[in-house]
């Protein structure tokens, strides 16, 4: 895709890319980040596979579980916890 748009690439060049929303294997859902629009990016992939695992390792010290981090919405009967609950 970069070569088609006139970019010169050679062995060892680094190409930044993003995973696009959709189905199928990753290699069919990637695009150089400079050509991707925000609404094309698979944000859920990045949150679930990069942000949540790191955050859960850190927040585990405060007894926050990965399950709590990925909850889409709190149920009415559940109390929403604040950061100060862990101090």
PDB file of N, CA and C in Angstrom:
ATOM      1  N   UNK A   1       0.822  -1.183   0.000  1.00  0.00           N
ATOM      2  CA  UNK A   1       0.000   0.000   0.000  1.00  0.00           C
ATOM      3  C   UNK A   1       0.877   1.262   0.000  1.00  0.00           C
ATOM      4  N   UNK A   2       1.940   1.234   0.797  1.00  0.00           N
ATOM      5  CA  UNK A   2       2.836   2.391   0.828  1.00  0.00           C
ATOM      6  C   UNK A   2       3.549   2.571  -0.507  1.00  0.00           C
ATOM      7  N   UNK A   3       4.007   1.472  -1.085  1.00  0.00           N
ATOM      8  CA  UNK A   3       4.697   1.563  -2.373  1.00  0.00           C
ATOM      9  C   UNK A   3       3.754   2.078  -3.454  1.00  0.00           C
ATOM     10  N   UNK A   4       2.497   1.636  -3.399  1.00  0.00           N
ATOM     11  CA  UNK A   4       1.508   2.103  -4.381  1.00  0.00           C
ATOM     12  C   UNK A   4       1.294   3.612  -4.283  1.00  0.00           C
ATOM     13  N   UNK A   5       1.498   4.167  -3.109  1.00  0.00           N
ATOM     14  CA  UNK A   5       1.297   5.602  -2.902  1.00  0.00           C
ATOM     15  C   UNK A   5       2.595   6.394  -3.067  1.00  0.00           C
ATOM     16  N   UNK A   6       3.656   5.713  -3.558  1.00  0.00           N
ATOM     17  CA  UNK A   6       4.889   6.412  -3.882  1.00  0.00           C
ATOM     18  C   UNK A   6       5.964   6.421  -2.812  1.00  0.00           C
ATOM     19  N   UNK A   7       5.761   5.709  -1.747  1.00  0.00           N
ATOM     20  CA  UNK A   7       6.768   5.654  -0.688  1.00  0.00           C
ATOM     21  C   UNK A   7       7.870   4.691  -1.103  1.00  0.00           C
ATOM     22  N   UNK A   8       9.104   5.059  -0.802  1.00  0.00           N
ATOM     23  CA  UNK A   8      10.226   4.157  -1.071  1.00  0.00           C
ATOM     24  C   UNK A   8      10.528   3.383   0.206  1.00  0.00           C
ATOM     25  N   UNK A   9      10.526   2.080   0.089  1.00  0.00           N
ATOM     26  CA  UNK A   9      10.799   1.215   1.239  1.00  0.00           C
ATOM     27  C   UNK A   9      11.935   0.277   0.900  1.00  0.00           C
ATOM     28  N   UNK A  10      12.691  -0.062   1.915  1.00  0.00           N
ATOM     29  CA  UNK A  10      13.749  -1.049   1.725  1.00  0.00           C
ATOM     30  C   UNK A  10      13.781  -1.953   2.948  1.00  0.00           C
ATOM     31  N   UNK A  11      14.541  -3.028   2.830  1.00  0.00           N
ATOM     32  CA  UNK A  11      14.647  -3.985   3.920  1.00  0.00           C
ATOM     33  C   UNK A  11      15.058  -3.316   5.215  1.00  0.00           C
ATOM     34  N   UNK A  12      14.384  -3.657   6.296  1.00  0.00           N
ATOM     35  CA  UNK A  12      14.698  -3.097   7.592  1.00  0.00           C
ATOM     36  C   UNK A  12      13.902  -1.856   7.955  1.00  0.00           C
ATOM     37  N   UNK A  13      13.161  -1.302   6.999  1.00  0.00           N
ATOM     38  CA  UNK A  13      12.315  -0.151   7.308  1.00  0.00           C
ATOM     39  C   UNK A  13      11.199  -0.576   8.252  1.00  0.00           C
ATOM     40  N   UNK A  14      10.858   0.308   9.152  1.00  0.00           N
ATOM     41  CA  UNK A  14       9.753   0.051  10.073  1.00  0.00           C
ATOM     42  C   UNK A  14       8.510   0.732   9.532  1.00  0.00           C
ATOM     43  N   UNK A  15       7.403  -0.018   9.547  1.00  0.00           N
ATOM     44  CA  UNK A  15       6.141   0.508   9.054  1.00  0.00           C
ATOM     45  C   UNK A  15       5.131   0.414  10.186  1.00  0.00           C
ATOM     46  N   UNK A  16       4.640   1.553  10.645  1.00  0.00           N
ATOM     47  CA  UNK A  16       3.617   1.566  11.688  1.00  0.00           C
ATOM     48  C   UNK A  16       2.264   1.266  11.078  1.00  0.00           C
ATOM     49  N   UNK A  17       1.528   0.397  11.722  1.00  0.00           N
ATOM     50  CA  UNK A  17       0.218   0.030  11.192  1.00  0.00           C
ATOM     51  C   UNK A  17      -0.774  -0.093  12.334  1.00  0.00           C
ATOM     52  N   UNK A  18      -2.062  -0.111  11.973  1.00  0.00           N
ATOM     53  CA  UNK A  18      -3.131  -0.311  12.943  1.00  0.00           C
ATOM     54  C   UNK A  18      -4.024  -1.446  12.459  1.00  0.00           C
ATOM     55  N   UNK A  19      -4.693  -2.057  13.437  1.00  0.00           N
ATOM     56  CA  UNK A  19      -5.674  -3.109  13.138  1.00  0.00           C
ATOM     57  C   UNK A  19      -7.008  -2.421  12.883  1.00  0.00           C
ATOM     58  N   UNK A  20      -7.657  -2.781  11.786  1.00  0.00           N
ATOM     59  CA  UNK A  20      -8.942  -2.191  11.434  1.00  0.00           C
ATOM     60  C   UNK A  20     -10.089  -3.039  11.972  1.00  0.00           C
ATOM     61  N   UNK A  21     -11.214  -2.396  12.208  1.00  0.00           N
ATOM     62  CA  UNK A  21     -12.406  -3.107  12.668  1.00  0.00           C
ATOM     63  C   UNK A  21     -12.870  -4.055  11.567  1.00  0.00           C
ATOM     64  N   UNK A  22     -13.531  -5.113  11.958  1.00  0.00           N
ATOM     65  CA  UNK A  22     -14.048  -6.063  10.993  1.00  0.00           C
ATOM     66  C   UNK A  22     -13.759  -7.476  11.428  1.00  0.00           C
ATOM     67  N   UNK A  23     -13.899  -8.378  10.496  1.00  0.00           N
ATOM     68  CA  UNK A  23     -13.647  -9.789  10.777  1.00  0.00           C
ATOM     69  C   UNK A  23     -12.530 -10.285   9.876  1.00  0.00           C
ATOM     70  N   UNK A  24     -12.028 -11.426  10.223  1.00  0.00           N
ATOM     71  CA  UNK A  24     -10.957 -12.015   9.429  1.00  0.00           C
ATOM     72  C   UNK A  24      -9.631 -11.937  10.145  1.00  0.00           C
ATOM     73  N   UNK A  25      -8.625 -12.474   9.504  1.00  0.00           N
ATOM     74  CA  UNK A  25      -7.277 -12.497  10.088  1.00  0.00           C
ATOM     75  C   UNK A  25      -6.682 -11.094  10.108  1.00  0.00           C
ATOM     76  N   UNK A  26      -5.761 -10.897  11.052  1.00  0.00           N
ATOM     77  CA  UNK A  26      -5.165  -9.576  11.200  1.00  0.00           C
ATOM     78  C   UNK A  26      -4.511  -9.083   9.916  1.00  0.00           C
ATOM     79  N   UNK A  27      -3.799  -9.962   9.209  1.00  0.00           N
ATOM     80  CA  UNK A  27      -3.084  -9.498   8.014  1.00  0.00           C
ATOM     81  C   UNK A  27      -4.031  -8.923   6.967  1.00  0.00           C
ATOM     82  N   UNK A  28      -5.307  -9.288   7.031  1.00  0.00           N
ATOM     83  CA  UNK A  28      -6.265  -8.726   6.077  1.00  0.00           C
ATOM     84  C   UNK A  28      -6.955  -7.481   6.633  1.00  0.00           C
ATOM     85  N   UNK A  29      -6.643  -7.129   7.903  1.00  0.00           N
ATOM     86  CA  UNK A  29      -7.290  -5.986   8.541  1.00  0.00           C
ATOM     87  C   UNK A  29      -6.276  -4.961   9.051  1.00  0.00           C
ATOM     88  N   UNK A  30      -5.182  -4.781   8.342  1.00  0.00           N
ATOM     89  CA  UNK A  30      -4.185  -3.795   8.762  1.00  0.00           C
ATOM     90  C   UNK A  30      -4.052  -2.704   7.706  1.00  0.00           C
ATOM     91  N   UNK A  31      -3.599  -1.548   8.190  1.00  0.00           N
ATOM     92  CA  UNK A  31      -3.387  -0.418   7.294  1.00  0.00           C
ATOM     93  C   UNK A  31      -2.307   0.449   7.937  1.00  0.00           C
ATOM     94  N   UNK A  32      -1.419   1.021   7.130  1.00  0.00           N
ATOM     95  CA  UNK A  32      -0.460   1.964   7.706  1.00  0.00           C
ATOM     96  C   UNK A  32      -1.220   3.062   8.447  1.00  0.00           C
ATOM     97  N   UNK A  33      -0.758   3.381   9.653  1.00  0.00           N
ATOM     98  CA  UNK A  33      -1.516   4.301  10.497  1.00  0.00           C
ATOM     99  C   UNK A  33      -1.707   5.677   9.871  1.00  0.00           C
ATOM    100  N   UNK A  34      -0.810   6.074   8.998  1.00  0.00           N
ATOM    101  CA  UNK A  34      -0.944   7.402   8.393  1.00  0.00           C
ATOM    102  C   UNK A  34      -2.111   7.485   7.413  1.00  0.00           C
ATOM    103  N   UNK A  35      -2.606   6.333   6.954  1.00  0.00           N
ATOM    104  CA  UNK A  35      -3.741   6.321   6.030  1.00  0.00           C
ATOM    105  C   UNK A  35      -5.050   5.937   6.705  1.00  0.00           C
ATOM    106  N   UNK A  36      -5.003   5.532   7.950  1.00  0.00           N
ATOM    107  CA  UNK A  36      -6.201   5.065   8.643  1.00  0.00           C
ATOM    108  C   UNK A  36      -6.956   6.228   9.278  1.00  0.00           C
ATOM    109  N   UNK A  37      -8.266   6.137   9.217  1.00  0.00           N
ATOM    110  CA  UNK A  37      -9.122   7.102   9.901  1.00  0.00           C
ATOM    111  C   UNK A  37      -9.526   6.496  11.242  1.00  0.00           C
ATOM    112  N   UNK A  38      -9.757   7.352  12.220  1.00  0.00           N
ATOM    113  CA  UNK A  38     -10.059   6.866  13.566  1.00  0.00           C
ATOM    114  C   UNK A  38     -11.230   5.896  13.570  1.00  0.00           C
ATOM    115  N   UNK A  39     -12.280   6.179  12.810  1.00  0.00           N
ATOM    116  CA  UNK A  39     -13.464   5.313  12.845  1.00  0.00           C
ATOM    117  C   UNK A  39     -13.241   3.960  12.172  1.00  0.00           C
ATOM    118  N   UNK A  40     -12.113   3.757  11.516  1.00  0.00           N
ATOM    119  CA  UNK A  40     -11.782   2.457  10.919  1.00  0.00           C
ATOM    120  C   UNK A  40     -11.060   1.532  11.900  1.00  0.00           C
ATOM    121  N   UNK A  41     -10.453   2.096  12.920  1.00  0.00           N
ATOM    122  CA  UNK A  41      -9.584   1.346  13.832  1.00  0.00           C
ATOM    123  C   UNK A  41     -10.402   0.494  14.785  1.00  0.00           C
ATOM    124  N   UNK A  42      -9.933  -0.710  15.042  1.00  0.00           N
ATOM    125  CA  UNK A  42     -10.584  -1.634  15.977  1.00  0.00           C
ATOM    126  C   UNK A  42     -10.175  -1.258  17.406  1.00  0.00           C
ATOM    127  N   UNK A  43     -10.837  -0.266  17.951  1.00  0.00           N
ATOM    128  CA  UNK A  43     -10.503   0.253  19.273  1.00  0.00           C
ATOM    129  C   UNK A  43     -10.655  -0.832  20.329  1.00  0.00           C
ATOM    130  N   UNK A  44     -11.689  -1.658  20.218  1.00  0.00           N
ATOM    131  CA  UNK A  44     -11.902  -2.744  21.194  1.00  0.00           C
ATOM    132  C   UNK A  44     -10.710  -3.688  21.237  1.00  0.00           C
ATOM    133  N   UNK A  45     -10.108  -3.967  20.086  1.00  0.00           N
ATOM    134  CA  UNK A  45      -8.930  -4.827  20.062  1.00  0.00           C
ATOM    135  C   UNK A  45      -7.817  -4.219  20.915  1.00  0.00           C
ATOM    136  N   UNK A  46      -7.552  -2.942  20.721  1.00  0.00           N
ATOM    137  CA  UNK A  46      -6.463  -2.300  21.456  1.00  0.00           C
ATOM    138  C   UNK A  46      -6.765  -2.197  22.948  1.00  0.00           C
ATOM    139  N   UNK A  47      -7.996  -1.889  23.295  1.00  0.00           N
ATOM    140  CA  UNK A  47      -8.359  -1.798  24.710  1.00  0.00           C
ATOM    141  C   UNK A  47      -8.235  -3.164  25.367  1.00  0.00           C
ATOM    142  N   UNK A  48      -8.827  -4.196  24.760  1.00  0.00           N
ATOM    143  CA  UNK A  48      -8.857  -5.527  25.369  1.00  0.00           C
ATOM    144  C   UNK A  48      -7.523  -6.254  25.352  1.00  0.00           C
ATOM    145  N   UNK A  49      -6.673  -5.978  24.375  1.00  0.00           N
ATOM    146  CA  UNK A  49      -5.424  -6.723  24.248  1.00  0.00           C
ATOM    147  C   UNK A  49      -4.175  -5.958  24.643  1.00  0.00           C
ATOM    148  N   UNK A  50      -4.286  -4.650  24.780  1.00  0.00           N
ATOM    149  CA  UNK A  50      -3.101  -3.884  25.151  1.00  0.00           C
ATOM    150  C   UNK A  50      -3.311  -3.046  26.407  1.00  0.00           C
ATOM    151  N   UNK A  51      -4.417  -2.348  26.507  1.00  0.00           N
ATOM    152  CA  UNK A  51      -4.636  -1.472  27.656  1.00  0.00           C
ATOM    153  C   UNK A  51      -5.046  -2.258  28.901  1.00  0.00           C
ATOM    154  N   UNK A  52      -6.073  -3.100  28.780  1.00  0.00           N
ATOM    155  CA  UNK A  52      -6.596  -3.826  29.944  1.00  0.00           C
ATOM    156  C   UNK A  52      -5.549  -4.737  30.587  1.00  0.00           C
ATOM    157  N   UNK A  53      -4.786  -5.537  29.844  1.00  0.00           N
ATOM    158  CA  UNK A  53      -3.788  -6.383  30.512  1.00  0.00           C
ATOM    159  C   UNK A  53      -2.755  -5.592  31.319  1.00  0.00           C
ATOM    160  N   UNK A  54      -2.296  -4.484  30.790  1.00  0.00           N
ATOM    161  CA  UNK A  54      -1.314  -3.674  31.512  1.00  0.00           C
ATOM    162  C   UNK A  54      -1.968  -3.013  32.723  1.00  0.00           C
ATOM    163  N   UNK A  55      -3.134  -2.431  32.511  1.00  0.00           N
ATOM    164  CA  UNK A  55      -3.833  -1.763  33.615  1.00  0.00           C
ATOM    165  C   UNK A  55      -4.185  -2.754  34.717  1.00  0.00           C
ATOM    166  N   UNK A  56      -4.571  -3.969  34.362  1.00  0.00           N
ATOM    167  CA  UNK A  56      -4.944  -4.949  35.392  1.00  0.00           C
ATOM    168  C   UNK A  56      -3.736  -5.378  36.219  1.00  0.00           C
ATOM    169  N   UNK A  57      -2.554  -5.432  35.609  1.00  0.00           N
ATOM    170  CA  UNK A  57      -1.356  -5.767  36.386  1.00  0.00           C
ATOM    171  C   UNK A  57      -1.054  -4.673  37.397  1.00  0.00           C
ATOM    172  N   UNK A  58      -1.233  -3.440  36.998  1.00  0.00           N
ATOM    173  CA  UNK A  58      -0.985  -2.325  37.907  1.00  0.00           C
ATOM    174  C   UNK A  58      -2.089  -2.228  38.963  1.00  0.00           C
ATOM    175  N   UNK A  59      -3.346  -2.258  38.511  1.00  0.00           N
ATOM    176  CA  UNK A  59      -4.469  -2.072  39.423  1.00  0.00           C
ATOM    177  C   UNK A  59      -4.736  -3.297  40.288  1.00  0.00           C
ATOM    178  N   UNK A  60      -4.099  -4.422  39.957  1.00  0.00           N
ATOM    179  CA  UNK A  60      -4.215  -5.619  40.791  1.00  0.00           C
ATOM    180  C   UNK A  60      -3.748  -5.362  42.218  1.00  0.00           C
ATOM    181  N   UNK A  61      -2.825  -4.451  42.393  1.00  0.00           N
ATOM    182  CA  UNK A  61      -2.358  -4.092  43.734  1.00  0.00           C
ATOM    183  C   UNK A  61      -3.455  -3.421  44.547  1.00  0.00           C
ATOM    184  N   UNK A  62      -4.482  -2.917  43.869  1.00  0.00           N
ATOM    185  CA  UNK A  62      -5.605  -2.265  44.540  1.00  0.00           C
ATOM    186  C   UNK A  62      -6.855  -3.152  44.498  1.00  0.00           C
ATOM    187  N   UNK A  63      -6.641  -4.451  44.228  1.00  0.00           N
ATOM    188  CA  UNK A  63      -7.728  -5.441  44.160  1.00  0.00           C
ATOM    189  C   UNK A  63      -8.757  -5.137  43.076  1.00  0.00           C
ATOM    190  N   UNK A  64      -8.331  -4.520  41.991  1.00  0.00           N
ATOM    191  CA  UNK A  64      -9.192  -4.308  40.837  1.00  0.00           C
ATOM    192  C   UNK A  64      -8.884  -5.432  39.862  1.00  0.00           C
ATOM    193  N   UNK A  65      -9.905  -6.156  39.461  1.00  0.00           N
ATOM    194  CA  UNK A  65      -9.700  -7.306  38.569  1.00  0.00           C
ATOM    195  C   UNK A  65      -9.863  -6.899  37.105  1.00  0.00           C
ATOM    196  N   UNK A  66      -9.344  -7.749  36.243  1.00  0.00           N
ATOM    197  CA  UNK A  66      -9.489  -7.510  34.804  1.00  0.00           C
ATOM    198  C   UNK A  66     -10.969  -7.519  34.426  1.00  0.00           C
ATOM    199  N   UNK A  67     -11.726  -8.388  35.081  1.00  0.00           N
ATOM    200  CA  UNK A  67     -13.163  -8.471  34.815  1.00  0.00           C
ATOM    201  C   UNK A  67     -13.846  -7.131  35.106  1.00  0.00           C
ATOM    202  N   UNK A  68     -13.437  -6.474  36.192  1.00  0.00           N
ATOM    203  CA  UNK A  68     -14.011  -5.170  36.522  1.00  0.00           C
ATOM    204  C   UNK A  68     -13.635  -4.119  35.488  1.00  0.00           C
ATOM    205  N   UNK A  69     -12.455  -4.228  34.946  1.00  0.00           N
ATOM    206  CA  UNK A  69     -12.008  -3.248  33.961  1.00  0.00           C
ATOM    207  C   UNK A  69     -12.761  -3.349  32.638  1.00  0.00           C
ATOM    208  N   UNK A  70     -13.168  -4.550  32.273  1.00  0.00           N
ATOM    209  CA  UNK A  70     -13.804  -4.714  30.964  1.00  0.00           C
ATOM    210  C   UNK A  70     -15.329  -4.673  31.023  1.00  0.00           C
ATOM    211  N   UNK A  71     -15.875  -4.442  32.205  1.00  0.00           N
ATOM    212  CA  UNK A  71     -17.327  -4.308  32.305  1.00  0.00           C
ATOM    213  C   UNK A  71     -17.788  -3.147  31.453  1.00  0.00           C
ATOM    214  N   UNK A  72     -18.807  -3.364  30.660  1.00  0.00           N
ATOM    215  CA  UNK A  72     -19.328  -2.306  29.794  1.00  0.00           C
ATOM    216  C   UNK A  72     -20.112  -1.269  30.597  1.00  0.00           C
ATOM    217  N   UNK A  73     -20.893  -1.740  31.560  1.00  0.00           N
ATOM    218  CA  UNK A  73     -21.683  -0.810  32.360  1.00  0.00           C
ATOM    219  C   UNK A  73     -21.936  -1.412  33.730  1.00  0.00           C
ATOM    220  N   UNK A  74     -22.048  -0.586  34.720  1.00  0.00           N
ATOM    221  CA  UNK A  74     -22.325  -1.067  36.067  1.00  0.00           C
ATOM    222  C   UNK A  74     -23.828  -1.288  36.212  1.00  0.00           C
ATOM    223  N   UNK A  75     -24.190  -2.346  36.910  1.00  0.00           N
ATOM    224  CA  UNK A  75     -25.605  -2.597  37.171  1.00  0.00           C
ATOM    225  C   UNK A  75     -26.074  -1.613  38.229  1.00  0.00           C
ATOM    226  N   UNK A  76     -27.376  -1.354  38.232  1.00  0.00           N
ATOM    227  CA  UNK A  76     -27.909  -0.382  39.184  1.00  0.00           C
ATOM    228  C   UNK A  76     -27.617  -0.776  40.626  1.00  0.00           C
ATOM    229  N   UNK A  77     -27.618  -2.069  40.920  1.00  0.00           N
ATOM    230  CA  UNK A  77     -27.414  -2.507  42.297  1.00  0.00           C
ATOM    231  C   UNK A  77     -25.941  -2.451  42.718  1.00  0.00           C
ATOM    232  N   UNK A  78     -25.039  -2.328  41.747  1.00  0.00           N
ATOM    233  CA  UNK A  78     -23.615  -2.281  42.059  1.00  0.00           C
ATOM    234  C   UNK A  78     -23.189  -0.859  42.379  1.00  0.00           C
ATOM    235  N   UNK A  79     -22.339  -0.741  43.353  1.00  0.00           N
ATOM    236  CA  UNK A  79     -21.795   0.566  43.700  1.00  0.00           C
ATOM    237  C   UNK A  79     -20.590   0.842  42.806  1.00  0.00           C
ATOM    238  N   UNK A  80     -20.515   2.029  42.256  1.00  0.00           N
ATOM    239  CA  UNK A  80     -19.379   2.413  41.434  1.00  0.00           C
ATOM    240  C   UNK A  80     -18.254   2.850  42.382  1.00  0.00           C
ATOM    241  N   UNK A  81     -17.088   2.256  42.219  1.00  0.00           N
ATOM    242  CA  UNK A  81     -15.969   2.546  43.097  1.00  0.00           C
ATOM    243  C   UNK A  81     -15.163   3.711  42.552  1.00  0.00           C
ATOM    244  N   UNK A  82     -14.616   4.501  43.452  1.00  0.00           N
ATOM    245  CA  UNK A  82     -13.744   5.591  43.034  1.00  0.00           C
ATOM    246  C   UNK A  82     -12.313   5.251  43.422  1.00  0.00           C
ATOM    247  N   UNK A  83     -11.389   5.995  42.900  1.00  0.00           N
ATOM    248  CA  UNK A  83      -9.975   5.766  43.200  1.00  0.00           C
ATOM    249  C   UNK A  83      -9.698   5.897  44.694  1.00  0.00           C
ATOM    250  N   UNK A  84     -10.415   6.771  45.346  1.00  0.00           N
ATOM    251  CA  UNK A  84     -10.189   6.998  46.780  1.00  0.00           C
ATOM    252  C   UNK A  84     -10.613   5.797  47.635  1.00  0.00           C
ATOM    253  N   UNK A  85     -11.393   4.875  47.081  1.00  0.00           N
ATOM    254  CA  UNK A  85     -11.764   3.665  47.817  1.00  0.00           C
ATOM    255  C   UNK A  85     -10.544   2.786  48.104  1.00  0.00           C
ATOM    256  N   UNK A  86      -9.463   2.992  47.386  1.00  0.00           N
ATOM    257  CA  UNK A  86      -8.292   2.136  47.502  1.00  0.00           C
ATOM    258  C   UNK A  86      -7.182   2.771  48.329  1.00  0.00           C
ATOM    259  N   UNK A  87      -7.388   3.970  48.806  1.00  0.00           N
ATOM    260  CA  UNK A  87      -6.363   4.682  49.564  1.00  0.00           C
ATOM    261  C   UNK A  87      -6.463   4.358  51.040  1.00  0.00           C
TER     262      UNK A  87
END
